[in-house]
Amino acid sequence: METLTSNPCKVTVDKLKNALQLVLVYPHGSPFHNTMVSQLRTTIFLISHRS
């Protein structure tokens, strides 16, 4: 199992963490929240199907 430091997905993981924090900050149902959630779903889908 690779460590995060040697993982090429590290930057993406950091982006996901930041996006998740923003999703938690903004109220559910707001346009920004919906946009972030759809971006998160897309990113997670791409990561999970990259291997």
N, C-alpha and C. Protein backbone atom coordinates (compact mmCIF):
# COMPACT_ATOMS: atom_id res chain seq x y z
N MET A 1 0.85 -1.20 0.00
CA MET A 1 0.00 0.00 0.00
C MET A 1 0.88 1.25 0.00
N GLU A 2 0.61 2.14 -0.92
CA GLU A 2 1.43 3.34 -1.03
C GLU A 2 1.07 4.34 0.08
N THR A 3 2.08 5.07 0.50
CA THR A 3 1.80 6.15 1.44
C THR A 3 1.28 7.35 0.67
N LEU A 4 0.66 8.30 1.38
CA LEU A 4 0.09 9.46 0.71
C LEU A 4 1.15 10.30 0.02
N THR A 5 2.36 10.32 0.61
CA THR A 5 3.41 11.17 0.06
C THR A 5 3.89 10.67 -1.31
N SER A 6 3.86 9.35 -1.52
CA SER A 6 4.30 8.81 -2.80
C SER A 6 3.13 8.59 -3.76
N ASN A 7 1.94 8.91 -3.30
CA ASN A 7 0.73 8.70 -4.10
C ASN A 7 0.47 9.89 -5.00
N PRO A 8 0.34 9.67 -6.31
CA PRO A 8 0.07 10.77 -7.24
C PRO A 8 -1.29 11.41 -6.99
N CYS A 9 -2.16 10.72 -6.24
CA CYS A 9 -3.49 11.27 -5.94
C CYS A 9 -3.46 12.23 -4.75
N LYS A 10 -2.26 12.45 -4.18
CA LYS A 10 -2.15 13.26 -2.97
C LYS A 10 -2.78 14.63 -3.15
N VAL A 11 -2.47 15.29 -4.25
CA VAL A 11 -3.01 16.64 -4.49
C VAL A 11 -4.54 16.57 -4.59
N THR A 12 -5.03 15.54 -5.26
CA THR A 12 -6.49 15.39 -5.40
C THR A 12 -7.12 15.14 -4.05
N VAL A 13 -6.47 14.36 -3.20
CA VAL A 13 -6.98 14.09 -1.86
C VAL A 13 -7.07 15.38 -1.07
N ASP A 14 -6.05 16.22 -1.17
CA ASP A 14 -6.07 17.51 -0.48
C ASP A 14 -7.22 18.37 -0.99
N LYS A 15 -7.43 18.36 -2.30
CA LYS A 15 -8.53 19.13 -2.88
C LYS A 15 -9.87 18.62 -2.37
N LEU A 16 -9.98 17.29 -2.25
CA LEU A 16 -11.22 16.71 -1.75
C LEU A 16 -11.47 17.14 -0.31
N LYS A 17 -10.42 17.13 0.51
CA LYS A 17 -10.57 17.55 1.91
C LYS A 17 -11.04 18.99 1.98
N ASN A 18 -10.43 19.87 1.18
CA ASN A 18 -10.82 21.28 1.18
C ASN A 18 -12.26 21.44 0.72
N ALA A 19 -12.63 20.70 -0.33
CA ALA A 19 -13.99 20.79 -0.86
C ALA A 19 -15.00 20.29 0.16
N LEU A 20 -14.65 19.21 0.86
CA LEU A 20 -15.56 18.68 1.87
C LEU A 20 -15.78 19.69 3.00
N GLN A 21 -14.71 20.38 3.39
CA GLN A 21 -14.84 21.39 4.44
C GLN A 21 -15.77 22.51 3.98
N LEU A 22 -15.65 22.91 2.70
CA LEU A 22 -16.52 23.96 2.17
C LEU A 22 -17.97 23.50 2.13
N VAL A 23 -18.18 22.24 1.75
CA VAL A 23 -19.53 21.69 1.69
C VAL A 23 -20.17 21.72 3.09
N LEU A 24 -19.36 21.44 4.11
CA LEU A 24 -19.88 21.45 5.47
C LEU A 24 -20.19 22.87 5.94
N VAL A 25 -19.43 23.85 5.43
CA VAL A 25 -19.62 25.24 5.85
C VAL A 25 -20.88 25.83 5.24
N TYR A 26 -21.09 25.58 3.94
CA TYR A 26 -22.22 26.19 3.25
C TYR A 26 -23.50 25.40 3.51
N PRO A 27 -24.64 26.08 3.64
CA PRO A 27 -25.91 25.41 3.94
C PRO A 27 -26.35 24.48 2.82
N HIS A 28 -26.97 23.39 3.20
CA HIS A 28 -27.47 22.43 2.22
C HIS A 28 -28.55 23.09 1.37
N GLY A 29 -28.50 22.84 0.06
CA GLY A 29 -29.51 23.38 -0.83
C GLY A 29 -29.09 24.67 -1.52
N SER A 30 -28.01 25.28 -1.04
CA SER A 30 -27.54 26.49 -1.71
C SER A 30 -26.86 26.09 -3.03
N PRO A 31 -26.89 26.98 -4.03
CA PRO A 31 -26.28 26.65 -5.34
C PRO A 31 -24.82 26.23 -5.20
N PHE A 32 -24.08 26.93 -4.33
CA PHE A 32 -22.66 26.59 -4.16
C PHE A 32 -22.52 25.18 -3.62
N HIS A 33 -23.35 24.83 -2.64
CA HIS A 33 -23.30 23.50 -2.03
C HIS A 33 -23.56 22.44 -3.09
N ASN A 34 -24.59 22.65 -3.91
CA ASN A 34 -24.94 21.67 -4.94
C ASN A 34 -23.81 21.50 -5.94
N THR A 35 -23.16 22.61 -6.31
CA THR A 35 -22.05 22.55 -7.25
C THR A 35 -20.89 21.76 -6.66
N MET A 36 -20.54 22.04 -5.40
CA MET A 36 -19.42 21.36 -4.76
C MET A 36 -19.70 19.85 -4.64
N VAL A 37 -20.94 19.52 -4.28
CA VAL A 37 -21.28 18.11 -4.12
C VAL A 37 -21.14 17.36 -5.45
N SER A 38 -21.61 17.99 -6.53
CA SER A 38 -21.51 17.32 -7.84
C SER A 38 -20.05 17.19 -8.26
N GLN A 39 -19.23 18.19 -7.95
CA GLN A 39 -17.80 18.10 -8.26
C GLN A 39 -17.14 17.01 -7.43
N LEU A 40 -17.53 16.90 -6.16
CA LEU A 40 -16.97 15.86 -5.31
C LEU A 40 -17.33 14.47 -5.85
N ARG A 41 -18.58 14.31 -6.25
CA ARG A 41 -19.01 13.01 -6.79
C ARG A 41 -18.20 12.66 -8.03
N THR A 42 -18.01 13.64 -8.90
CA THR A 42 -17.25 13.40 -10.13
C THR A 42 -15.81 13.03 -9.81
N THR A 43 -15.19 13.78 -8.89
CA THR A 43 -13.80 13.52 -8.54
C THR A 43 -13.64 12.15 -7.90
N ILE A 44 -14.52 11.80 -6.98
CA ILE A 44 -14.45 10.50 -6.31
C ILE A 44 -14.65 9.38 -7.33
N PHE A 45 -15.58 9.59 -8.28
CA PHE A 45 -15.83 8.59 -9.32
C PHE A 45 -14.57 8.37 -10.15
N LEU A 46 -13.91 9.49 -10.55
CA LEU A 46 -12.70 9.39 -11.36
C LEU A 46 -11.58 8.68 -10.61
N ILE A 47 -11.43 9.01 -9.31
CA ILE A 47 -10.37 8.38 -8.52
C ILE A 47 -10.63 6.88 -8.38
N SER A 48 -11.88 6.52 -8.10
CA SER A 48 -12.18 5.12 -7.84
C SER A 48 -12.10 4.27 -9.10
N HIS A 49 -12.19 4.90 -10.28
CA HIS A 49 -12.12 4.14 -11.52
C HIS A 49 -10.78 4.31 -12.24
N ARG A 50 -9.83 4.98 -11.58
CA ARG A 50 -8.54 5.23 -12.23
C ARG A 50 -7.65 4.00 -12.19
N SER A 51 -7.79 3.20 -11.13
CA SER A 51 -6.89 2.06 -10.95
C SER A 51 -7.17 0.93 -11.93
